[in-house]
PDB file of N, CA and C in Angstrom:
ATOM      1  N   MET A   1       0.861  -1.171   0.000  1.00  0.00           N
ATOM      2  CA  MET A   1       0.000   0.000   0.000  1.00  0.00           C
ATOM      3  C   MET A   1       0.912   1.240   0.000  1.00  0.00           C
ATOM      4  N   THR A   2       0.641   2.141  -0.906  1.00  0.00           N
ATOM      5  CA  THR A   2       1.421   3.366  -1.041  1.00  0.00           C
ATOM      6  C   THR A   2       0.979   4.394  -0.007  1.00  0.00           C
ATOM      7  N   LYS A   3       1.949   5.072   0.595  1.00  0.00           N
ATOM      8  CA  LYS A   3       1.639   6.131   1.560  1.00  0.00           C
ATOM      9  C   LYS A   3       1.666   7.472   0.842  1.00  0.00           C
ATOM     10  N   ILE A   4       0.653   8.303   1.152  1.00  0.00           N
ATOM     11  CA  ILE A   4       0.591   9.651   0.586  1.00  0.00           C
ATOM     12  C   ILE A   4       0.197  10.646   1.674  1.00  0.00           C
ATOM     13  N   SER A   5       0.438  11.909   1.401  1.00  0.00           N
ATOM     14  CA  SER A   5       0.083  12.963   2.357  1.00  0.00           C
ATOM     15  C   SER A   5      -1.400  13.297   2.257  1.00  0.00           C
ATOM     16  N   LYS A   6      -1.900  14.016   3.234  1.00  0.00           N
ATOM     17  CA  LYS A   6      -3.295  14.466   3.224  1.00  0.00           C
ATOM     18  C   LYS A   6      -3.549  15.395   2.045  1.00  0.00           C
ATOM     19  N   SER A   7      -2.581  16.247   1.736  1.00  0.00           N
ATOM     20  CA  SER A   7      -2.770  17.172   0.614  1.00  0.00           C
ATOM     21  C   SER A   7      -2.813  16.428  -0.716  1.00  0.00           C
ATOM     22  N   LYS A   8      -2.027  15.363  -0.858  1.00  0.00           N
ATOM     23  CA  LYS A   8      -2.067  14.558  -2.083  1.00  0.00           C
ATOM     24  C   LYS A   8      -3.400  13.809  -2.175  1.00  0.00           C
ATOM     25  N   ALA A   9      -3.893  13.304  -1.050  1.00  0.00           N
ATOM     26  CA  ALA A   9      -5.198  12.625  -1.017  1.00  0.00           C
ATOM     27  C   ALA A   9      -6.297  13.589  -1.431  1.00  0.00           C
ATOM     28  N   LEU A  10      -6.244  14.798  -0.912  1.00  0.00           N
ATOM     29  CA  LEU A  10      -7.227  15.818  -1.269  1.00  0.00           C
ATOM     30  C   LEU A  10      -7.172  16.115  -2.766  1.00  0.00           C
ATOM     31  N   GLU A  11      -5.975  16.192  -3.301  1.00  0.00           N
ATOM     32  CA  GLU A  11      -5.809  16.431  -4.739  1.00  0.00           C
ATOM     33  C   GLU A  11      -6.441  15.306  -5.560  1.00  0.00           C
ATOM     34  N   PHE A  12      -6.202  14.050  -5.164  1.00  0.00           N
ATOM     35  CA  PHE A  12      -6.811  12.911  -5.865  1.00  0.00           C
ATOM     36  C   PHE A  12      -8.333  12.980  -5.810  1.00  0.00           C
ATOM     37  N   ILE A  13      -8.870  13.310  -4.645  1.00  0.00           N
ATOM     38  CA  ILE A  13     -10.327  13.394  -4.470  1.00  0.00           C
ATOM     39  C   ILE A  13     -10.902  14.511  -5.338  1.00  0.00           C
ATOM     40  N   GLN A  14     -10.277  15.673  -5.298  1.00  0.00           N
ATOM     41  CA  GLN A  14     -10.781  16.812  -6.067  1.00  0.00           C
ATOM     42  C   GLN A  14     -10.677  16.587  -7.566  1.00  0.00           C
ATOM     43  N   ASN A  15      -9.745  15.766  -8.004  1.00  0.00           N
ATOM     44  CA  ASN A  15      -9.570  15.480  -9.430  1.00  0.00           C
ATOM     45  C   ASN A  15     -10.211  14.160  -9.848  1.00  0.00           C
ATOM     46  N   SER A  16     -11.144  13.651  -9.057  1.00  0.00           N
ATOM     47  CA  SER A  16     -11.759  12.350  -9.335  1.00  0.00           C
ATOM     48  C   SER A  16     -12.741  12.369 -10.504  1.00  0.00           C
ATOM     49  N   LYS A  17     -13.110  13.548 -10.979  1.00  0.00           N
ATOM     50  CA  LYS A  17     -13.968  13.709 -12.164  1.00  0.00           C
ATOM     51  C   LYS A  17     -15.275  12.930 -12.079  1.00  0.00           C
ATOM     52  N   GLY A  18     -15.897  12.943 -10.915  1.00  0.00           N
ATOM     53  CA  GLY A  18     -17.196  12.294 -10.751  1.00  0.00           C
ATOM     54  C   GLY A  18     -17.144  10.805 -10.508  1.00  0.00           C
ATOM     55  N   ARG A  19     -15.952  10.223 -10.510  1.00  0.00           N
ATOM     56  CA  ARG A  19     -15.841   8.785 -10.243  1.00  0.00           C
ATOM     57  C   ARG A  19     -16.019   8.528  -8.753  1.00  0.00           C
ATOM     58  N   PHE A  20     -16.490   7.346  -8.445  1.00  0.00           N
ATOM     59  CA  PHE A  20     -16.699   6.963  -7.058  1.00  0.00           C
ATOM     60  C   PHE A  20     -15.385   6.510  -6.439  1.00  0.00           C
ATOM     61  N   PHE A  21     -15.277   6.693  -5.124  1.00  0.00           N
ATOM     62  CA  PHE A  21     -14.093   6.269  -4.393  1.00  0.00           C
ATOM     63  C   PHE A  21     -14.519   5.865  -2.987  1.00  0.00           C
ATOM     64  N   THR A  22     -13.614   5.225  -2.270  1.00  0.00           N
ATOM     65  CA  THR A  22     -13.888   4.756  -0.917  1.00  0.00           C
ATOM     66  C   THR A  22     -12.914   5.412   0.045  1.00  0.00           C
ATOM     67  N   VAL A  23     -13.429   5.848   1.175  1.00  0.00           N
ATOM     68  CA  VAL A  23     -12.592   6.406   2.228  1.00  0.00           C
ATOM     69  C   VAL A  23     -12.832   5.638   3.524  1.00  0.00           C
ATOM     70  N   ILE A  24     -11.781   5.517   4.314  1.00  0.00           N
ATOM     71  CA  ILE A  24     -11.878   4.978   5.666  1.00  0.00           C
ATOM     72  C   ILE A  24     -11.326   6.064   6.573  1.00  0.00           C
ATOM     73  N   PHE A  25     -12.125   6.457   7.549  1.00  0.00           N
ATOM     74  CA  PHE A  25     -11.721   7.534   8.444  1.00  0.00           C
ATOM     75  C   PHE A  25     -12.247   7.259   9.845  1.00  0.00           C
ATOM     76  N   THR A  26     -11.768   8.034  10.800  1.00  0.00           N
ATOM     77  CA  THR A  26     -12.227   7.924  12.182  1.00  0.00           C
ATOM     78  C   THR A  26     -13.225   9.031  12.449  1.00  0.00           C
ATOM     79  N   LYS A  27     -14.408   8.631  12.925  1.00  0.00           N
ATOM     80  CA  LYS A  27     -15.430   9.617  13.272  1.00  0.00           C
ATOM     81  C   LYS A  27     -15.047  10.317  14.576  1.00  0.00           C
ATOM     82  N   ASN A  28     -15.725  11.410  14.887  1.00  0.00           N
ATOM     83  CA  ASN A  28     -15.433  12.162  16.112  1.00  0.00           C
ATOM     84  C   ASN A  28     -15.610  11.328  17.377  1.00  0.00           C
ATOM     85  N   ASN A  29     -16.482  10.320  17.322  1.00  0.00           N
ATOM     86  CA  ASN A  29     -16.699   9.475  18.503  1.00  0.00           C
ATOM     87  C   ASN A  29     -15.686   8.331  18.604  1.00  0.00           C
ATOM     88  N   GLY A  30     -14.701   8.300  17.678  1.00  0.00           N
ATOM     89  CA  GLY A  30     -13.642   7.292  17.720  1.00  0.00           C
ATOM     90  C   GLY A  30     -13.897   6.065  16.870  1.00  0.00           C
ATOM     91  N   GLN A  31     -15.092   5.937  16.300  1.00  0.00           N
ATOM     92  CA  GLN A  31     -15.407   4.773  15.472  1.00  0.00           C
ATOM     93  C   GLN A  31     -14.810   4.917  14.074  1.00  0.00           C
ATOM     94  N   LYS A  32     -14.404   3.774  13.505  1.00  0.00           N
ATOM     95  CA  LYS A  32     -13.949   3.753  12.119  1.00  0.00           C
ATOM     96  C   LYS A  32     -15.180   3.750  11.227  1.00  0.00           C
ATOM     97  N   ARG A  33     -15.090   4.399  10.086  1.00  0.00           N
ATOM     98  CA  ARG A  33     -16.221   4.479   9.149  1.00  0.00           C
ATOM     99  C   ARG A  33     -15.695   4.253   7.749  1.00  0.00           C
ATOM    100  N   VAL A  34     -16.370   3.419   6.996  1.00  0.00           N
ATOM    101  CA  VAL A  34     -16.075   3.197   5.583  1.00  0.00           C
ATOM    102  C   VAL A  34     -17.205   3.824   4.789  1.00  0.00           C
ATOM    103  N   MET A  35     -16.846   4.623   3.789  1.00  0.00           N
ATOM    104  CA  MET A  35     -17.876   5.296   3.003  1.00  0.00           C
ATOM    105  C   MET A  35     -17.492   5.262   1.534  1.00  0.00           C
ATOM    106  N   ASN A  36     -18.418   4.759   0.706  1.00  0.00           N
ATOM    107  CA  ASN A  36     -18.278   4.839  -0.742  1.00  0.00           C
ATOM    108  C   ASN A  36     -18.982   6.119  -1.160  1.00  0.00           C
ATOM    109  N   CYS A  37     -18.283   6.941  -1.916  1.00  0.00           N
ATOM    110  CA  CYS A  37     -18.846   8.256  -2.183  1.00  0.00           C
ATOM    111  C   CYS A  37     -18.354   8.854  -3.497  1.00  0.00           C
ATOM    112  N   GLN A  38     -18.899  10.017  -3.784  1.00  0.00           N
ATOM    113  CA  GLN A  38     -18.576  10.785  -4.987  1.00  0.00           C
ATOM    114  C   GLN A  38     -18.356  12.224  -4.547  1.00  0.00           C
ATOM    115  N   TYR A  39     -17.270  12.824  -5.015  1.00  0.00           N
ATOM    116  CA  TYR A  39     -16.920  14.199  -4.636  1.00  0.00           C
ATOM    117  C   TYR A  39     -17.926  15.182  -5.220  1.00  0.00           C
ATOM    118  N   MET A  40     -18.331  16.141  -4.414  1.00  0.00           N
ATOM    119  CA  MET A  40     -19.217  17.202  -4.885  1.00  0.00           C
ATOM    120  C   MET A  40     -18.340  18.347  -5.370  1.00  0.00           C
ATOM    121  N   LYS A  41     -18.330  18.576  -6.662  1.00  0.00           N
ATOM    122  CA  LYS A  41     -17.413  19.561  -7.244  1.00  0.00           C
ATOM    123  C   LYS A  41     -17.772  20.991  -6.850  1.00  0.00           C
ATOM    124  N   ASP A  42     -16.859  21.883  -7.172  1.00  0.00           N
ATOM    125  CA  ASP A  42     -17.016  23.324  -6.916  1.00  0.00           C
ATOM    126  C   ASP A  42     -17.214  23.647  -5.441  1.00  0.00           C
ATOM    127  N   GLN A  43     -16.421  23.041  -4.597  1.00  0.00           N
ATOM    128  CA  GLN A  43     -16.473  23.343  -3.170  1.00  0.00           C
ATOM    129  C   GLN A  43     -15.058  23.611  -2.679  1.00  0.00           C
ATOM    130  N   LYS A  44     -14.972  24.289  -1.597  1.00  0.00           N
ATOM    131  CA  LYS A  44     -13.691  24.525  -0.950  1.00  0.00           C
ATOM    132  C   LYS A  44     -13.705  23.785   0.377  1.00  0.00           C
ATOM    133  N   VAL A  45     -12.565  23.254   0.750  1.00  0.00           N
ATOM    134  CA  VAL A  45     -12.462  22.588   2.045  1.00  0.00           C
ATOM    135  C   VAL A  45     -12.512  23.662   3.112  1.00  0.00           C
ATOM    136  N   ASN A  46     -13.378  23.485   4.093  1.00  0.00           N
ATOM    137  CA  ASN A  46     -13.519  24.516   5.118  1.00  0.00           C
ATOM    138  C   ASN A  46     -12.375  24.441   6.133  1.00  0.00           C
ATOM    139  N   SER A  47     -12.373  25.324   7.099  1.00  0.00           N
ATOM    140  CA  SER A  47     -11.272  25.419   8.061  1.00  0.00           C
ATOM    141  C   SER A  47     -11.127  24.169   8.940  1.00  0.00           C
ATOM    142  N   PHE A  48     -12.167  23.343   9.012  1.00  0.00           N
ATOM    143  CA  PHE A  48     -12.095  22.101   9.770  1.00  0.00           C
ATOM    144  C   PHE A  48     -11.614  20.941   8.907  1.00  0.00           C
ATOM    145  N   GLY A  49     -11.364  21.184   7.624  1.00  0.00           N
ATOM    146  CA  GLY A  49     -10.909  20.135   6.711  1.00  0.00           C
ATOM    147  C   GLY A  49     -12.024  19.239   6.218  1.00  0.00           C
ATOM    148  N   LEU A  50     -13.282  19.699   6.308  1.00  0.00           N
ATOM    149  CA  LEU A  50     -14.420  18.876   5.894  1.00  0.00           C
ATOM    150  C   LEU A  50     -14.596  18.893   4.380  1.00  0.00           C
ATOM    151  N   ILE A  51     -14.831  17.722   3.841  1.00  0.00           N
ATOM    152  CA  ILE A  51     -15.072  17.557   2.410  1.00  0.00           C
ATOM    153  C   ILE A  51     -16.484  17.011   2.248  1.00  0.00           C
ATOM    154  N   LYS A  52     -17.309  17.668   1.429  1.00  0.00           N
ATOM    155  CA  LYS A  52     -18.672  17.198   1.182  1.00  0.00           C
ATOM    156  C   LYS A  52     -18.661  16.191   0.042  1.00  0.00           C
ATOM    157  N   VAL A  53     -19.403  15.101   0.255  1.00  0.00           N
ATOM    158  CA  VAL A  53     -19.503  14.037  -0.743  1.00  0.00           C
ATOM    159  C   VAL A  53     -20.947  13.544  -0.803  1.00  0.00           C
ATOM    160  N   LYS A  54     -21.245  12.837  -1.880  1.00  0.00           N
ATOM    161  CA  LYS A  54     -22.528  12.127  -1.993  1.00  0.00           C
ATOM    162  C   LYS A  54     -22.250  10.680  -1.632  1.00  0.00           C
ATOM    163  N   GLU A  55     -22.939  10.162  -0.623  1.00  0.00           N
ATOM    164  CA  GLU A  55     -22.744   8.769  -0.232  1.00  0.00           C
ATOM    165  C   GLU A  55     -23.567   7.869  -1.142  1.00  0.00           C
ATOM    166  N   THR A  56     -22.923   6.887  -1.761  1.00  0.00           N
ATOM    167  CA  THR A  56     -23.567   6.076  -2.788  1.00  0.00           C
ATOM    168  C   THR A  56     -24.746   5.264  -2.267  1.00  0.00           C
ATOM    169  N   LYS A  57     -24.663   4.751  -1.050  1.00  0.00           N
ATOM    170  CA  LYS A  57     -25.776   3.919  -0.565  1.00  0.00           C
ATOM    171  C   LYS A  57     -27.037   4.734  -0.312  1.00  0.00           C
ATOM    172  N   LEU A  58     -26.916   6.051  -0.261  1.00  0.00           N
ATOM    173  CA  LEU A  58     -28.082   6.902  -0.019  1.00  0.00           C
ATOM    174  C   LEU A  58     -28.627   7.551  -1.285  1.00  0.00           C
ATOM    175  N   LEU A  59     -27.991   7.339  -2.436  1.00  0.00           N
ATOM    176  CA  LEU A  59     -28.406   8.022  -3.661  1.00  0.00           C
ATOM    177  C   LEU A  59     -29.810   7.643  -4.127  1.00  0.00           C
ATOM    178  N   LYS A  60     -30.337   6.515  -3.678  1.00  0.00           N
ATOM    179  CA  LYS A  60     -31.695   6.117  -4.065  1.00  0.00           C
ATOM    180  C   LYS A  60     -32.759   6.800  -3.208  1.00  0.00           C
ATOM    181  N   SER A  61     -32.337   7.504  -2.179  1.00  0.00           N
ATOM    182  CA  SER A  61     -33.262   8.203  -1.294  1.00  0.00           C
ATOM    183  C   SER A  61     -33.921   9.359  -2.042  1.00  0.00           C
ATOM    184  N   GLU A  62     -35.144   9.612  -1.713  1.00  0.00           N
ATOM    185  CA  GLU A  62     -35.888  10.713  -2.326  1.00  0.00           C
ATOM    186  C   GLU A  62     -35.378  12.076  -1.856  1.00  0.00           C
ATOM    187  N   LYS A  63     -34.842  12.110  -0.653  1.00  0.00           N
ATOM    188  CA  LYS A  63     -34.419  13.379  -0.066  1.00  0.00           C
ATOM    189  C   LYS A  63     -32.953  13.661  -0.400  1.00  0.00           C
ATOM    190  N   VAL A  64     -32.714  14.678  -1.184  1.00  0.00           N
ATOM    191  CA  VAL A  64     -31.370  15.024  -1.625  1.00  0.00           C
ATOM    192  C   VAL A  64     -30.454  15.339  -0.448  1.00  0.00           C
ATOM    193  N   ASP A  65     -30.979  15.982   0.587  1.00  0.00           N
ATOM    194  CA  ASP A  65     -30.136  16.343   1.718  1.00  0.00           C
ATOM    195  C   ASP A  65     -29.612  15.134   2.482  1.00  0.00           C
ATOM    196  N   GLU A  66     -30.219  13.958   2.305  1.00  0.00           N
ATOM    197  CA  GLU A  66     -29.720  12.736   2.935  1.00  0.00           C
ATOM    198  C   GLU A  66     -28.486  12.195   2.206  1.00  0.00           C
ATOM    199  N   TRP A  67     -28.331  12.510   0.944  1.00  0.00           N
ATOM    200  CA  TRP A  67     -27.185  12.028   0.171  1.00  0.00           C
ATOM    201  C   TRP A  67     -25.895  12.641   0.646  1.00  0.00           C
ATOM    202  N   ILE A  68     -25.979  13.892   1.075  1.00  0.00           N
ATOM    203  CA  ILE A  68     -24.776  14.677   1.331  1.00  0.00           C
ATOM    204  C   ILE A  68     -24.203  14.355   2.709  1.00  0.00           C
ATOM    205  N   LYS A  69     -22.977  13.904   2.699  1.00  0.00           N
ATOM    206  CA  LYS A  69     -22.239  13.603   3.922  1.00  0.00           C
ATOM    207  C   LYS A  69     -20.918  14.351   3.854  1.00  0.00           C
ATOM    208  N   SER A  70     -20.183  14.311   4.923  1.00  0.00           N
ATOM    209  CA  SER A  70     -18.860  14.935   4.911  1.00  0.00           C
ATOM    210  C   SER A  70     -17.916  14.115   5.779  1.00  0.00           C
ATOM    211  N   PHE A  71     -16.634  14.276   5.521  1.00  0.00           N
ATOM    212  CA  PHE A  71     -15.609  13.671   6.357  1.00  0.00           C
ATOM    213  C   PHE A  71     -14.449  14.654   6.424  1.00  0.00           C
ATOM    214  N   SER A  72     -13.646  14.513   7.450  1.00  0.00           N
ATOM    215  CA  SER A  72     -12.508  15.406   7.635  1.00  0.00           C
ATOM    216  C   SER A  72     -11.270  14.807   6.993  1.00  0.00           C
ATOM    217  N   ILE A  73     -10.613  15.589   6.176  1.00  0.00           N
ATOM    218  CA  ILE A  73      -9.361  15.145   5.561  1.00  0.00           C
ATOM    219  C   ILE A  73      -8.326  14.854   6.650  1.00  0.00           C
ATOM    220  N   ASN A  74      -8.460  15.512   7.791  1.00  0.00           N
ATOM    221  CA  ASN A  74      -7.516  15.317   8.895  1.00  0.00           C
ATOM    222  C   ASN A  74      -7.671  13.967   9.586  1.00  0.00           C
ATOM    223  N   LYS A  75      -8.835  13.329   9.415  1.00  0.00           N
ATOM    224  CA  LYS A  75      -9.078  12.030  10.052  1.00  0.00           C
ATOM    225  C   LYS A  75      -9.085  10.889   9.043  1.00  0.00           C
ATOM    226  N   LEU A  76      -8.746  11.205   7.799  1.00  0.00           N
ATOM    227  CA  LEU A  76      -8.706  10.205   6.734  1.00  0.00           C
ATOM    228  C   LEU A  76      -7.531   9.257   6.950  1.00  0.00           C
ATOM    229  N   GLU A  77      -7.788   7.956   6.825  1.00  0.00           N
ATOM    230  CA  GLU A  77      -6.743   6.954   7.013  1.00  0.00           C
ATOM    231  C   GLU A  77      -6.420   6.202   5.725  1.00  0.00           C
ATOM    232  N   ILE A  78      -7.469   5.839   4.971  1.00  0.00           N
ATOM    233  CA  ILE A  78      -7.295   5.060   3.742  1.00  0.00           C
ATOM    234  C   ILE A  78      -8.137   5.693   2.640  1.00  0.00           C
ATOM    235  N   LEU A  79      -7.577   5.761   1.437  1.00  0.00           N
ATOM    236  CA  LEU A  79      -8.287   6.241   0.255  1.00  0.00           C
ATOM    237  C   LEU A  79      -8.122   5.198  -0.835  1.00  0.00           C
ATOM    238  N   LYS A  80      -9.247   4.736  -1.382  1.00  0.00           N
ATOM    239  CA  LYS A  80      -9.238   3.809  -2.516  1.00  0.00           C
ATOM    240  C   LYS A  80      -9.838   4.551  -3.701  1.00  0.00           C
ATOM    241  N   ILE A  81      -8.996   4.809  -4.697  1.00  0.00           N
ATOM    242  CA  ILE A  81      -9.419   5.584  -5.846  1.00  0.00           C
ATOM    243  C   ILE A  81      -8.623   5.142  -7.070  1.00  0.00           C
ATOM    244  N   ASN A  82      -9.270   5.111  -8.212  1.00  0.00           N
ATOM    245  CA  ASN A  82      -8.624   4.723  -9.468  1.00  0.00           C
ATOM    246  C   ASN A  82      -7.888   3.385  -9.373  1.00  0.00           C
ATOM    247  N   LYS A  83      -8.526   2.407  -8.736  1.00  0.00           N
ATOM    248  CA  LYS A  83      -7.993   1.060  -8.588  1.00  0.00           C
ATOM    249  C   LYS A  83      -6.708   1.008  -7.781  1.00  0.00           C
ATOM    250  N   GLN A  84      -6.468   2.027  -6.968  1.00  0.00           N
ATOM    251  CA  GLN A  84      -5.289   2.098  -6.094  1.00  0.00           C
ATOM    252  C   GLN A  84      -5.754   2.310  -4.653  1.00  0.00           C
ATOM    253  N   THR A  85      -4.978   1.790  -3.720  1.00  0.00           N
ATOM    254  CA  THR A  85      -5.259   1.989  -2.303  1.00  0.00           C
ATOM    255  C   THR A  85      -4.085   2.752  -1.697  1.00  0.00           C
ATOM    256  N   TYR A  86      -4.413   3.816  -0.956  1.00  0.00           N
ATOM    257  CA  TYR A  86      -3.393   4.672  -0.361  1.00  0.00           C
ATOM    258  C   TYR A  86      -3.600   4.774   1.143  1.00  0.00           C
ATOM    259  N   LYS A  87      -2.502   4.721   1.888  1.00  0.00           N
ATOM    260  CA  LYS A  87      -2.528   4.991   3.328  1.00  0.00           C
ATOM    261  C   LYS A  87      -2.132   6.448   3.498  1.00  0.00           C
ATOM    262  N   ILE A  88      -2.895   7.175   4.301  1.00  0.00           N
ATOM    263  CA  ILE A  88      -2.676   8.594   4.487  1.00  0.00           C
ATOM    264  C   ILE A  88      -1.778   8.834   5.687  1.00  0.00           C
ATOM    265  N   ASN A  89      -0.727   9.604   5.480  1.00  0.00           N
ATOM    266  CA  ASN A  89       0.205   9.956   6.576  1.00  0.00           C
ATOM    267  C   ASN A  89      -0.383  11.033   7.438  1.00  0.00           C
TER     268      ASN A  89
END
């Protein structure tokens, strides 16, 4: 597994061109979370490092606001994108 920085991971996510990817991160309560998602373009990462994404398992929901989730780039541990798996330093 290749190790990359948080800034490189963010670059990969922002350049994903609508393709789906998987992230593994630690939630604020300490639990690990796996999320398959799609980057929401035209956004800036806020001061907390939050990235907004559409979670794939919720895309069939009628309510658009349920699709939108976020995760912190600072708590990201694993990124699976473009058939590659990266460990985040």
